[in-house]
Amino acid sequence: MIDWIRVSQLREEVGHDAFEDVVALFMEEIDAVFVALSPNSRLEEDLHFITGSALNLGFDALCRLCREESRKAKARGPGAVNIVALRDCYRASRSAFLDGRATWPGIR
């Protein structure tokens, strides 16, 4: 669900001090997108944003699901996107990330 190697790389890229700020900003922005996520005209843009953010922070399962749902949106329209599954995956990924940070070496 979480690519901890990517998380470690991000921490090295931004620095240990800035890492917490990056994580907090990611959570704040992605939470806001998920609150407003619906089959509207911005859905493909929102999915693109979520995919990029998830990829940067190592949320692999969410990234894969967003890509799959983006393909559905392009092929069959925004109504084909499973927003509930996206929200559930984000919640599970967020929880796994927050819980796992305490035990993954070099992330704390």
PDB file of N, CA and C in Angstrom:
ATOM      1  N   MET A   1       0.822  -1.195   0.000  1.00  0.00           N
ATOM      2  CA  MET A   1       0.000   0.000   0.000  1.00  0.00           C
ATOM      3  C   MET A   1       0.869   1.263   0.000  1.00  0.00           C
ATOM      4  N   ILE A   2       1.934   1.265   0.818  1.00  0.00           N
ATOM      5  CA  ILE A   2       2.852   2.405   0.891  1.00  0.00           C
ATOM      6  C   ILE A   2       4.225   1.960   0.410  1.00  0.00           C
ATOM      7  N   ASP A   3       4.828   2.758  -0.442  1.00  0.00           N
ATOM      8  CA  ASP A   3       6.193   2.512  -0.899  1.00  0.00           C
ATOM      9  C   ASP A   3       7.129   3.262   0.051  1.00  0.00           C
ATOM     10  N   TRP A   4       7.579   2.553   1.085  1.00  0.00           N
ATOM     11  CA  TRP A   4       8.394   3.196   2.115  1.00  0.00           C
ATOM     12  C   TRP A   4       9.750   3.633   1.586  1.00  0.00           C
ATOM     13  N   ILE A   5      10.229   2.974   0.554  1.00  0.00           N
ATOM     14  CA  ILE A   5      11.490   3.415  -0.050  1.00  0.00           C
ATOM     15  C   ILE A   5      11.294   4.793  -0.672  1.00  0.00           C
ATOM     16  N   ARG A   6      10.161   5.003  -1.354  1.00  0.00           N
ATOM     17  CA  ARG A   6       9.861   6.319  -1.928  1.00  0.00           C
ATOM     18  C   ARG A   6       9.718   7.366  -0.826  1.00  0.00           C
ATOM     19  N   VAL A   7       9.098   6.996   0.265  1.00  0.00           N
ATOM     20  CA  VAL A   7       8.946   7.926   1.386  1.00  0.00           C
ATOM     21  C   VAL A   7      10.325   8.329   1.908  1.00  0.00           C
ATOM     22  N   SER A   8      11.215   7.365   2.047  1.00  0.00           N
ATOM     23  CA  SER A   8      12.582   7.652   2.506  1.00  0.00           C
ATOM     24  C   SER A   8      13.307   8.561   1.519  1.00  0.00           C
ATOM     25  N   GLN A   9      13.123   8.300   0.220  1.00  0.00           N
ATOM     26  CA  GLN A   9      13.749   9.137  -0.803  1.00  0.00           C
ATOM     27  C   GLN A   9      13.234  10.569  -0.723  1.00  0.00           C
ATOM     28  N   LEU A  10      11.931  10.716  -0.548  1.00  0.00           N
ATOM     29  CA  LEU A  10      11.353  12.052  -0.437  1.00  0.00           C
ATOM     30  C   LEU A  10      11.937  12.782   0.760  1.00  0.00           C
ATOM     31  N   ARG A  11      12.056  12.080   1.850  1.00  0.00           N
ATOM     32  CA  ARG A  11      12.607  12.706   3.052  1.00  0.00           C
ATOM     33  C   ARG A  11      14.036  13.171   2.807  1.00  0.00           C
ATOM     34  N   GLU A  12      14.808  12.379   2.096  1.00  0.00           N
ATOM     35  CA  GLU A  12      16.175  12.774   1.762  1.00  0.00           C
ATOM     36  C   GLU A  12      16.183  13.957   0.794  1.00  0.00           C
ATOM     37  N   GLU A  13      15.261  13.961  -0.171  1.00  0.00           N
ATOM     38  CA  GLU A  13      15.191  15.030  -1.170  1.00  0.00           C
ATOM     39  C   GLU A  13      14.847  16.379  -0.551  1.00  0.00           C
ATOM     40  N   VAL A  14      13.876  16.399   0.340  1.00  0.00           N
ATOM     41  CA  VAL A  14      13.417  17.675   0.902  1.00  0.00           C
ATOM     42  C   VAL A  14      14.127  18.032   2.194  1.00  0.00           C
ATOM     43  N   GLY A  15      14.784  17.058   2.793  1.00  0.00           N
ATOM     44  CA  GLY A  15      15.457  17.287   4.069  1.00  0.00           C
ATOM     45  C   GLY A  15      14.568  16.874   5.222  1.00  0.00           C
ATOM     46  N   HIS A  16      15.214  16.453   6.275  1.00  0.00           N
ATOM     47  CA  HIS A  16      14.471  15.947   7.435  1.00  0.00           C
ATOM     48  C   HIS A  16      13.560  17.011   8.038  1.00  0.00           C
ATOM     49  N   ASP A  17      14.043  18.248   8.100  1.00  0.00           N
ATOM     50  CA  ASP A  17      13.247  19.312   8.721  1.00  0.00           C
ATOM     51  C   ASP A  17      12.002  19.658   7.906  1.00  0.00           C
ATOM     52  N   ALA A  18      12.140  19.697   6.585  1.00  0.00           N
ATOM     53  CA  ALA A  18      11.016  20.078   5.724  1.00  0.00           C
ATOM     54  C   ALA A  18      10.037  18.930   5.492  1.00  0.00           C
ATOM     55  N   PHE A  19      10.458  17.711   5.775  1.00  0.00           N
ATOM     56  CA  PHE A  19       9.622  16.544   5.491  1.00  0.00           C
ATOM     57  C   PHE A  19       8.264  16.627   6.181  1.00  0.00           C
ATOM     58  N   GLU A  20       8.252  16.991   7.441  1.00  0.00           N
ATOM     59  CA  GLU A  20       6.979  17.077   8.176  1.00  0.00           C
ATOM     60  C   GLU A  20       6.051  18.104   7.545  1.00  0.00           C
ATOM     61  N   ASP A  21       6.622  19.219   7.081  1.00  0.00           N
ATOM     62  CA  ASP A  21       5.807  20.240   6.420  1.00  0.00           C
ATOM     63  C   ASP A  21       5.237  19.727   5.102  1.00  0.00           C
ATOM     64  N   VAL A  22       6.050  18.983   4.353  1.00  0.00           N
ATOM     65  CA  VAL A  22       5.593  18.416   3.082  1.00  0.00           C
ATOM     66  C   VAL A  22       4.444  17.441   3.329  1.00  0.00           C
ATOM     67  N   VAL A  23       4.602  16.589   4.321  1.00  0.00           N
ATOM     68  CA  VAL A  23       3.548  15.617   4.652  1.00  0.00           C
ATOM     69  C   VAL A  23       2.273  16.344   5.079  1.00  0.00           C
ATOM     70  N   ALA A  24       2.404  17.338   5.938  1.00  0.00           N
ATOM     71  CA  ALA A  24       1.234  18.084   6.413  1.00  0.00           C
ATOM     72  C   ALA A  24       0.522  18.779   5.253  1.00  0.00           C
ATOM     73  N   LEU A  25       1.285  19.391   4.358  1.00  0.00           N
ATOM     74  CA  LEU A  25       0.695  20.072   3.208  1.00  0.00           C
ATOM     75  C   LEU A  25      -0.012  19.073   2.292  1.00  0.00           C
ATOM     76  N   PHE A  26       0.623  17.937   2.048  1.00  0.00           N
ATOM     77  CA  PHE A  26       0.010  16.894   1.227  1.00  0.00           C
ATOM     78  C   PHE A  26      -1.325  16.479   1.823  1.00  0.00           C
ATOM     79  N   MET A  27      -1.332  16.172   3.111  1.00  0.00           N
ATOM     80  CA  MET A  27      -2.561  15.706   3.760  1.00  0.00           C
ATOM     81  C   MET A  27      -3.652  16.774   3.686  1.00  0.00           C
ATOM     82  N   GLU A  28      -3.285  18.011   3.925  1.00  0.00           N
ATOM     83  CA  GLU A  28      -4.257  19.101   3.892  1.00  0.00           C
ATOM     84  C   GLU A  28      -4.860  19.260   2.492  1.00  0.00           C
ATOM     85  N   GLU A  29      -4.000  19.278   1.482  1.00  0.00           N
ATOM     86  CA  GLU A  29      -4.480  19.474   0.115  1.00  0.00           C
ATOM     87  C   GLU A  29      -5.298  18.285  -0.383  1.00  0.00           C
ATOM     88  N   ILE A  30      -4.825  17.101  -0.115  1.00  0.00           N
ATOM     89  CA  ILE A  30      -5.517  15.912  -0.612  1.00  0.00           C
ATOM     90  C   ILE A  30      -6.848  15.713   0.125  1.00  0.00           C
ATOM     91  N   ASP A  31      -6.871  16.024   1.427  1.00  0.00           N
ATOM     92  CA  ASP A  31      -8.133  15.964   2.173  1.00  0.00           C
ATOM     93  C   ASP A  31      -9.170  16.887   1.535  1.00  0.00           C
ATOM     94  N   ALA A  32      -8.749  18.104   1.181  1.00  0.00           N
ATOM     95  CA  ALA A  32      -9.664  19.075   0.579  1.00  0.00           C
ATOM     96  C   ALA A  32     -10.181  18.585  -0.771  1.00  0.00           C
ATOM     97  N   VAL A  33      -9.324  17.974  -1.562  1.00  0.00           N
ATOM     98  CA  VAL A  33      -9.754  17.458  -2.862  1.00  0.00           C
ATOM     99  C   VAL A  33     -10.767  16.336  -2.674  1.00  0.00           C
ATOM    100  N   PHE A  34     -10.511  15.456  -1.714  1.00  0.00           N
ATOM    101  CA  PHE A  34     -11.437  14.338  -1.503  1.00  0.00           C
ATOM    102  C   PHE A  34     -12.785  14.803  -0.960  1.00  0.00           C
ATOM    103  N   VAL A  35     -12.814  15.862  -0.184  1.00  0.00           N
ATOM    104  CA  VAL A  35     -14.088  16.387   0.314  1.00  0.00           C
ATOM    105  C   VAL A  35     -14.958  16.836  -0.859  1.00  0.00           C
ATOM    106  N   ALA A  36     -14.338  17.461  -1.845  1.00  0.00           N
ATOM    107  CA  ALA A  36     -15.084  18.008  -2.976  1.00  0.00           C
ATOM    108  C   ALA A  36     -15.200  17.052  -4.160  1.00  0.00           C
ATOM    109  N   LEU A  37     -14.549  15.903  -4.103  1.00  0.00           N
ATOM    110  CA  LEU A  37     -14.504  14.992  -5.248  1.00  0.00           C
ATOM    111  C   LEU A  37     -15.901  14.492  -5.619  1.00  0.00           C
ATOM    112  N   SER A  38     -16.264  14.707  -6.872  1.00  0.00           N
ATOM    113  CA  SER A  38     -17.551  14.246  -7.389  1.00  0.00           C
ATOM    114  C   SER A  38     -17.430  14.138  -8.906  1.00  0.00           C
ATOM    115  N   PRO A  39     -18.379  13.451  -9.532  1.00  0.00           N
ATOM    116  CA  PRO A  39     -18.310  13.332 -10.996  1.00  0.00           C
ATOM    117  C   PRO A  39     -18.680  14.654 -11.673  1.00  0.00           C
ATOM    118  N   ASN A  40     -17.816  15.623 -11.549  1.00  0.00           N
ATOM    119  CA  ASN A  40     -18.057  16.934 -12.148  1.00  0.00           C
ATOM    120  C   ASN A  40     -17.041  17.194 -13.249  1.00  0.00           C
ATOM    121  N   SER A  41     -17.032  18.386 -13.754  1.00  0.00           N
ATOM    122  CA  SER A  41     -16.134  18.710 -14.864  1.00  0.00           C
ATOM    123  C   SER A  41     -14.660  18.741 -14.450  1.00  0.00           C
ATOM    124  N   ARG A  42     -14.368  18.853 -13.166  1.00  0.00           N
ATOM    125  CA  ARG A  42     -12.978  18.877 -12.688  1.00  0.00           C
ATOM    126  C   ARG A  42     -12.467  17.491 -12.286  1.00  0.00           C
ATOM    127  N   LEU A  43     -13.257  16.473 -12.453  1.00  0.00           N
ATOM    128  CA  LEU A  43     -12.888  15.152 -11.956  1.00  0.00           C
ATOM    129  C   LEU A  43     -11.548  14.679 -12.510  1.00  0.00           C
ATOM    130  N   GLU A  44     -11.343  14.803 -13.816  1.00  0.00           N
ATOM    131  CA  GLU A  44     -10.077  14.343 -14.382  1.00  0.00           C
ATOM    132  C   GLU A  44      -8.900  15.146 -13.835  1.00  0.00           C
ATOM    133  N   GLU A  45      -9.070  16.445 -13.649  1.00  0.00           N
ATOM    134  CA  GLU A  45      -8.012  17.273 -13.045  1.00  0.00           C
ATOM    135  C   GLU A  45      -7.748  16.840 -11.606  1.00  0.00           C
ATOM    136  N   ASP A  46      -8.813  16.589 -10.869  1.00  0.00           N
ATOM    137  CA  ASP A  46      -8.658  16.149  -9.478  1.00  0.00           C
ATOM    138  C   ASP A  46      -7.944  14.803  -9.406  1.00  0.00           C
ATOM    139  N   LEU A  47      -8.308  13.878 -10.287  1.00  0.00           N
ATOM    140  CA  LEU A  47      -7.650  12.572 -10.298  1.00  0.00           C
ATOM    141  C   LEU A  47      -6.174  12.710 -10.665  1.00  0.00           C
ATOM    142  N   HIS A  48      -5.872  13.608 -11.580  1.00  0.00           N
ATOM    143  CA  HIS A  48      -4.476  13.849 -11.953  1.00  0.00           C
ATOM    144  C   HIS A  48      -3.695  14.394 -10.751  1.00  0.00           C
ATOM    145  N   PHE A  49      -4.287  15.334 -10.036  1.00  0.00           N
ATOM    146  CA  PHE A  49      -3.644  15.897  -8.847  1.00  0.00           C
ATOM    147  C   PHE A  49      -3.420  14.822  -7.784  1.00  0.00           C
ATOM    148  N   ILE A  50      -4.446  14.022  -7.529  1.00  0.00           N
ATOM    149  CA  ILE A  50      -4.332  12.964  -6.521  1.00  0.00           C
ATOM    150  C   ILE A  50      -3.255  11.963  -6.930  1.00  0.00           C
ATOM    151  N   THR A  51      -3.244  11.580  -8.205  1.00  0.00           N
ATOM    152  CA  THR A  51      -2.248  10.623  -8.689  1.00  0.00           C
ATOM    153  C   THR A  51      -0.837  11.140  -8.452  1.00  0.00           C
ATOM    154  N   GLY A  52      -0.579  12.376  -8.836  1.00  0.00           N
ATOM    155  CA  GLY A  52       0.752  12.955  -8.655  1.00  0.00           C
ATOM    156  C   GLY A  52       1.146  13.060  -7.200  1.00  0.00           C
ATOM    157  N   SER A  53       0.230  13.497  -6.381  1.00  0.00           N
ATOM    158  CA  SER A  53       0.508  13.619  -4.950  1.00  0.00           C
ATOM    159  C   SER A  53       0.770  12.257  -4.329  1.00  0.00           C
ATOM    160  N   ALA A  54      -0.057  11.288  -4.682  1.00  0.00           N
ATOM    161  CA  ALA A  54       0.100   9.935  -4.145  1.00  0.00           C
ATOM    162  C   ALA A  54       1.438   9.338  -4.570  1.00  0.00           C
ATOM    163  N   LEU A  55       1.807   9.549  -5.810  1.00  0.00           N
ATOM    164  CA  LEU A  55       3.075   9.039  -6.322  1.00  0.00           C
ATOM    165  C   LEU A  55       4.247   9.660  -5.570  1.00  0.00           C
ATOM    166  N   ASN A  56       4.192  10.959  -5.348  1.00  0.00           N
ATOM    167  CA  ASN A  56       5.276  11.651  -4.644  1.00  0.00           C
ATOM    168  C   ASN A  56       5.453  11.179  -3.214  1.00  0.00           C
ATOM    169  N   LEU A  57       4.359  10.845  -2.544  1.00  0.00           N
ATOM    170  CA  LEU A  57       4.456  10.465  -1.137  1.00  0.00           C
ATOM    171  C   LEU A  57       4.450   8.953  -0.928  1.00  0.00           C
ATOM    172  N   GLY A  58       4.478   8.192  -2.007  1.00  0.00           N
ATOM    173  CA  GLY A  58       4.592   6.745  -1.873  1.00  0.00           C
ATOM    174  C   GLY A  58       3.285   6.021  -1.606  1.00  0.00           C
ATOM    175  N   PHE A  59       2.163   6.653  -1.868  1.00  0.00           N
ATOM    176  CA  PHE A  59       0.863   6.011  -1.696  1.00  0.00           C
ATOM    177  C   PHE A  59       0.574   5.184  -2.955  1.00  0.00           C
ATOM    178  N   ASP A  60       1.242   4.050  -3.083  1.00  0.00           N
ATOM    179  CA  ASP A  60       1.181   3.245  -4.305  1.00  0.00           C
ATOM    180  C   ASP A  60      -0.218   2.757  -4.652  1.00  0.00           C
ATOM    181  N   ALA A  61      -0.931   2.222  -3.695  1.00  0.00           N
ATOM    182  CA  ALA A  61      -2.266   1.684  -3.975  1.00  0.00           C
ATOM    183  C   ALA A  61      -3.195   2.788  -4.481  1.00  0.00           C
ATOM    184  N   LEU A  62      -3.127   3.947  -3.873  1.00  0.00           N
ATOM    185  CA  LEU A  62      -3.964   5.068  -4.291  1.00  0.00           C
ATOM    186  C   LEU A  62      -3.576   5.532  -5.691  1.00  0.00           C
ATOM    187  N   CYS A  63      -2.300   5.593  -5.963  1.00  0.00           N
ATOM    188  CA  CYS A  63      -1.823   5.996  -7.283  1.00  0.00           C
ATOM    189  C   CYS A  63      -2.347   5.044  -8.358  1.00  0.00           C
ATOM    190  N   ARG A  64      -2.236   3.753  -8.115  1.00  0.00           N
ATOM    191  CA  ARG A  64      -2.721   2.761  -9.086  1.00  0.00           C
ATOM    192  C   ARG A  64      -4.230   2.890  -9.306  1.00  0.00           C
ATOM    193  N   LEU A  65      -4.973   3.043  -8.211  1.00  0.00           N
ATOM    194  CA  LEU A  65      -6.424   3.163  -8.330  1.00  0.00           C
ATOM    195  C   LEU A  65      -6.810   4.443  -9.073  1.00  0.00           C
ATOM    196  N   CYS A  66      -6.137   5.533  -8.802  1.00  0.00           N
ATOM    197  CA  CYS A  66      -6.429   6.792  -9.505  1.00  0.00           C
ATOM    198  C   CYS A  66      -6.186   6.652 -11.002  1.00  0.00           C
ATOM    199  N   ARG A  67      -5.102   5.991 -11.359  1.00  0.00           N
ATOM    200  CA  ARG A  67      -4.823   5.783 -12.788  1.00  0.00           C
ATOM    201  C   ARG A  67      -5.925   4.949 -13.442  1.00  0.00           C
ATOM    202  N   GLU A  68      -6.348   3.910 -12.741  1.00  0.00           N
ATOM    203  CA  GLU A  68      -7.426   3.056 -13.255  1.00  0.00           C
ATOM    204  C   GLU A  68      -8.721   3.853 -13.415  1.00  0.00           C
ATOM    205  N   GLU A  69      -9.055   4.641 -12.406  1.00  0.00           N
ATOM    206  CA  GLU A  69     -10.293   5.427 -12.456  1.00  0.00           C
ATOM    207  C   GLU A  69     -10.199   6.541 -13.498  1.00  0.00           C
ATOM    208  N   SER A  70      -9.019   7.083 -13.719  1.00  0.00           N
ATOM    209  CA  SER A  70      -8.829   8.088 -14.775  1.00  0.00           C
ATOM    210  C   SER A  70      -9.096   7.484 -16.145  1.00  0.00           C
ATOM    211  N   ARG A  71      -8.623   6.262 -16.347  1.00  0.00           N
ATOM    212  CA  ARG A  71      -8.892   5.579 -17.616  1.00  0.00           C
ATOM    213  C   ARG A  71     -10.399   5.369 -17.801  1.00  0.00           C
ATOM    214  N   LYS A  72     -11.074   4.999 -16.727  1.00  0.00           N
ATOM    215  CA  LYS A  72     -12.537   4.834 -16.799  1.00  0.00           C
ATOM    216  C   LYS A  72     -13.209   6.149 -17.183  1.00  0.00           C
ATOM    217  N   ALA A  73     -12.778   7.234 -16.553  1.00  0.00           N
ATOM    218  CA  ALA A  73     -13.378   8.542 -16.822  1.00  0.00           C
ATOM    219  C   ALA A  73     -13.200   8.929 -18.283  1.00  0.00           C
ATOM    220  N   LYS A  74     -12.019   8.673 -18.827  1.00  0.00           N
ATOM    221  CA  LYS A  74     -11.766   9.018 -20.227  1.00  0.00           C
ATOM    222  C   LYS A  74     -12.568   8.137 -21.175  1.00  0.00           C
ATOM    223  N   ALA A  75     -12.698   6.871 -20.840  1.00  0.00           N
ATOM    224  CA  ALA A  75     -13.381   5.926 -21.728  1.00  0.00           C
ATOM    225  C   ALA A  75     -14.903   6.002 -21.633  1.00  0.00           C
ATOM    226  N   ARG A  76     -15.422   6.161 -20.413  1.00  0.00           N
ATOM    227  CA  ARG A  76     -16.879   6.060 -20.218  1.00  0.00           C
ATOM    228  C   ARG A  76     -17.512   7.277 -19.573  1.00  0.00           C
ATOM    229  N   GLY A  77     -16.723   8.272 -19.257  1.00  0.00           N
ATOM    230  CA  GLY A  77     -17.259   9.476 -18.640  1.00  0.00           C
ATOM    231  C   GLY A  77     -17.092   9.471 -17.133  1.00  0.00           C
ATOM    232  N   PRO A  78     -17.255  10.635 -16.514  1.00  0.00           N
ATOM    233  CA  PRO A  78     -17.018  10.780 -15.080  1.00  0.00           C
ATOM    234  C   PRO A  78     -17.918   9.925 -14.200  1.00  0.00           C
ATOM    235  N   GLY A  79     -19.102   9.579 -14.683  1.00  0.00           N
ATOM    236  CA  GLY A  79     -20.015   8.759 -13.890  1.00  0.00           C
ATOM    237  C   GLY A  79     -19.509   7.346 -13.655  1.00  0.00           C
ATOM    238  N   ALA A  80     -18.531   6.914 -14.446  1.00  0.00           N
ATOM    239  CA  ALA A  80     -17.982   5.561 -14.304  1.00  0.00           C
ATOM    240  C   ALA A  80     -16.950   5.460 -13.183  1.00  0.00           C
ATOM    241  N   VAL A  81     -16.519   6.597 -12.675  1.00  0.00           N
ATOM    242  CA  VAL A  81     -15.479   6.615 -11.642  1.00  0.00           C
ATOM    243  C   VAL A  81     -16.066   6.200 -10.296  1.00  0.00           C
ATOM    244  N   ASN A  82     -15.381   5.293  -9.627  1.00  0.00           N
ATOM    245  CA  ASN A  82     -15.819   4.809  -8.315  1.00  0.00           C
ATOM    246  C   ASN A  82     -15.204   5.696  -7.226  1.00  0.00           C
ATOM    247  N   ILE A  83     -15.898   6.763  -6.918  1.00  0.00           N
ATOM    248  CA  ILE A  83     -15.399   7.737  -5.944  1.00  0.00           C
ATOM    249  C   ILE A  83     -15.340   7.139  -4.544  1.00  0.00           C
ATOM    250  N   VAL A  84     -16.278   6.280  -4.218  1.00  0.00           N
ATOM    251  CA  VAL A  84     -16.267   5.627  -2.899  1.00  0.00           C
ATOM    252  C   VAL A  84     -14.998   4.796  -2.737  1.00  0.00           C
ATOM    253  N   ALA A  85     -14.642   4.043  -3.765  1.00  0.00           N
ATOM    254  CA  ALA A  85     -13.417   3.231  -3.704  1.00  0.00           C
ATOM    255  C   ALA A  85     -12.183   4.113  -3.562  1.00  0.00           C
ATOM    256  N   LEU A  86     -12.173   5.245  -4.250  1.00  0.00           N
ATOM    257  CA  LEU A  86     -11.045   6.175  -4.136  1.00  0.00           C
ATOM    258  C   LEU A  86     -10.928   6.720  -2.712  1.00  0.00           C
ATOM    259  N   ARG A  87     -12.051   7.136  -2.156  1.00  0.00           N
ATOM    260  CA  ARG A  87     -12.025   7.657  -0.779  1.00  0.00           C
ATOM    261  C   ARG A  87     -11.589   6.582   0.210  1.00  0.00           C
ATOM    262  N   ASP A  88     -12.115   5.377   0.045  1.00  0.00           N
ATOM    263  CA  ASP A  88     -11.739   4.272   0.939  1.00  0.00           C
ATOM    264  C   ASP A  88     -10.248   3.965   0.834  1.00  0.00           C
ATOM    265  N   CYS A  89      -9.737   3.953  -0.385  1.00  0.00           N
ATOM    266  CA  CYS A  89      -8.316   3.673  -0.595  1.00  0.00           C
ATOM    267  C   CYS A  89      -7.461   4.774   0.026  1.00  0.00           C
ATOM    268  N   TYR A  90      -7.882   6.023  -0.124  1.00  0.00           N
ATOM    269  CA  TYR A  90      -7.130   7.117   0.486  1.00  0.00           C
ATOM    270  C   TYR A  90      -7.123   6.988   2.005  1.00  0.00           C
ATOM    271  N   ARG A  91      -8.278   6.723   2.592  1.00  0.00           N
ATOM    272  CA  ARG A  91      -8.337   6.583   4.051  1.00  0.00           C
ATOM    273  C   ARG A  91      -7.431   5.449   4.528  1.00  0.00           C
ATOM    274  N   ALA A  92      -7.476   4.323   3.836  1.00  0.00           N
ATOM    275  CA  ALA A  92      -6.635   3.179   4.213  1.00  0.00           C
ATOM    276  C   ALA A  92      -5.156   3.502   4.023  1.00  0.00           C
ATOM    277  N   SER A  93      -4.824   4.175   2.935  1.00  0.00           N
ATOM    278  CA  SER A  93      -3.431   4.547   2.669  1.00  0.00           C
ATOM    279  C   SER A  93      -2.931   5.551   3.700  1.00  0.00           C
ATOM    280  N   ARG A  94      -3.762   6.522   4.000  1.00  0.00           N
ATOM    281  CA  ARG A  94      -3.397   7.548   4.987  1.00  0.00           C
ATOM    282  C   ARG A  94      -3.142   6.901   6.345  1.00  0.00           C
ATOM    283  N   SER A  95      -4.028   6.010   6.729  1.00  0.00           N
ATOM    284  CA  SER A  95      -3.888   5.312   8.005  1.00  0.00           C
ATOM    285  C   SER A  95      -2.626   4.454   8.019  1.00  0.00           C
ATOM    286  N   ALA A  96      -2.385   3.710   6.937  1.00  0.00           N
ATOM    287  CA  ALA A  96      -1.186   2.869   6.852  1.00  0.00           C
ATOM    288  C   ALA A  96       0.075   3.718   6.912  1.00  0.00           C
ATOM    289  N   PHE A  97       0.039   4.876   6.270  1.00  0.00           N
ATOM    290  CA  PHE A  97       1.186   5.780   6.285  1.00  0.00           C
ATOM    291  C   PHE A  97       1.450   6.300   7.693  1.00  0.00           C
ATOM    292  N   LEU A  98       0.415   6.813   8.328  1.00  0.00           N
ATOM    293  CA  LEU A  98       0.588   7.386   9.666  1.00  0.00           C
ATOM    294  C   LEU A  98       0.989   6.322  10.684  1.00  0.00           C
ATOM    295  N   ASP A  99       0.395   5.139  10.594  1.00  0.00           N
ATOM    296  CA  ASP A  99       0.756   4.048  11.506  1.00  0.00           C
ATOM    297  C   ASP A  99       2.159   3.529  11.224  1.00  0.00           C
ATOM    298  N   GLY A 100       2.497   3.400   9.950  1.00  0.00           N
ATOM    299  CA  GLY A 100       3.780   2.827   9.567  1.00  0.00           C
ATOM    300  C   GLY A 100       4.969   3.725   9.801  1.00  0.00           C
ATOM    301  N   ARG A 101       4.751   5.017   9.829  1.00  0.00           N
ATOM    302  CA  ARG A 101       5.860   5.954  10.056  1.00  0.00           C
ATOM    303  C   ARG A 101       6.560   5.681  11.370  1.00  0.00           C
ATOM    304  N   ALA A 102       5.811   5.215  12.339  1.00  0.00           N
ATOM    305  CA  ALA A 102       6.385   4.971  13.667  1.00  0.00           C
ATOM    306  C   ALA A 102       7.357   3.796  13.664  1.00  0.00           C
ATOM    307  N   THR A 103       7.221   2.900  12.697  1.00  0.00           N
ATOM    308  CA  THR A 103       8.052   1.696  12.705  1.00  0.00           C
ATOM    309  C   THR A 103       9.044   1.615  11.558  1.00  0.00           C
ATOM    310  N   TRP A 104       8.871   2.428  10.505  1.00  0.00           N
ATOM    311  CA  TRP A 104       9.777   2.348   9.362  1.00  0.00           C
ATOM    312  C   TRP A 104      11.064   3.117   9.668  1.00  0.00           C
ATOM    313  N   PRO A 105      12.217   2.477   9.522  1.00  0.00           N
ATOM    314  CA  PRO A 105      13.496   3.132   9.840  1.00  0.00           C
ATOM    315  C   PRO A 105      13.723   4.383   8.989  1.00  0.00           C
ATOM    316  N   GLY A 106      14.147   5.437   9.618  1.00  0.00           N
ATOM    317  CA  GLY A 106      14.498   6.656   8.910  1.00  0.00           C
ATOM    318  C   GLY A 106      13.349   7.557   8.545  1.00  0.00           C
ATOM    319  N   ILE A 107      12.126   7.234   8.937  1.00  0.00           N
ATOM    320  CA  ILE A 107      10.976   8.054   8.571  1.00  0.00           C
ATOM    321  C   ILE A 107      10.525   8.931   9.727  1.00  0.00           C
ATOM    322  N   ARG A 108      10.703   8.469  10.931  1.00  0.00           N
ATOM    323  CA  ARG A 108      10.199   9.209  12.091  1.00  0.00           C
ATOM    324  C   ARG A 108      10.724  10.594  12.187  1.00  0.00           C
TER     325      ARG A 108
END
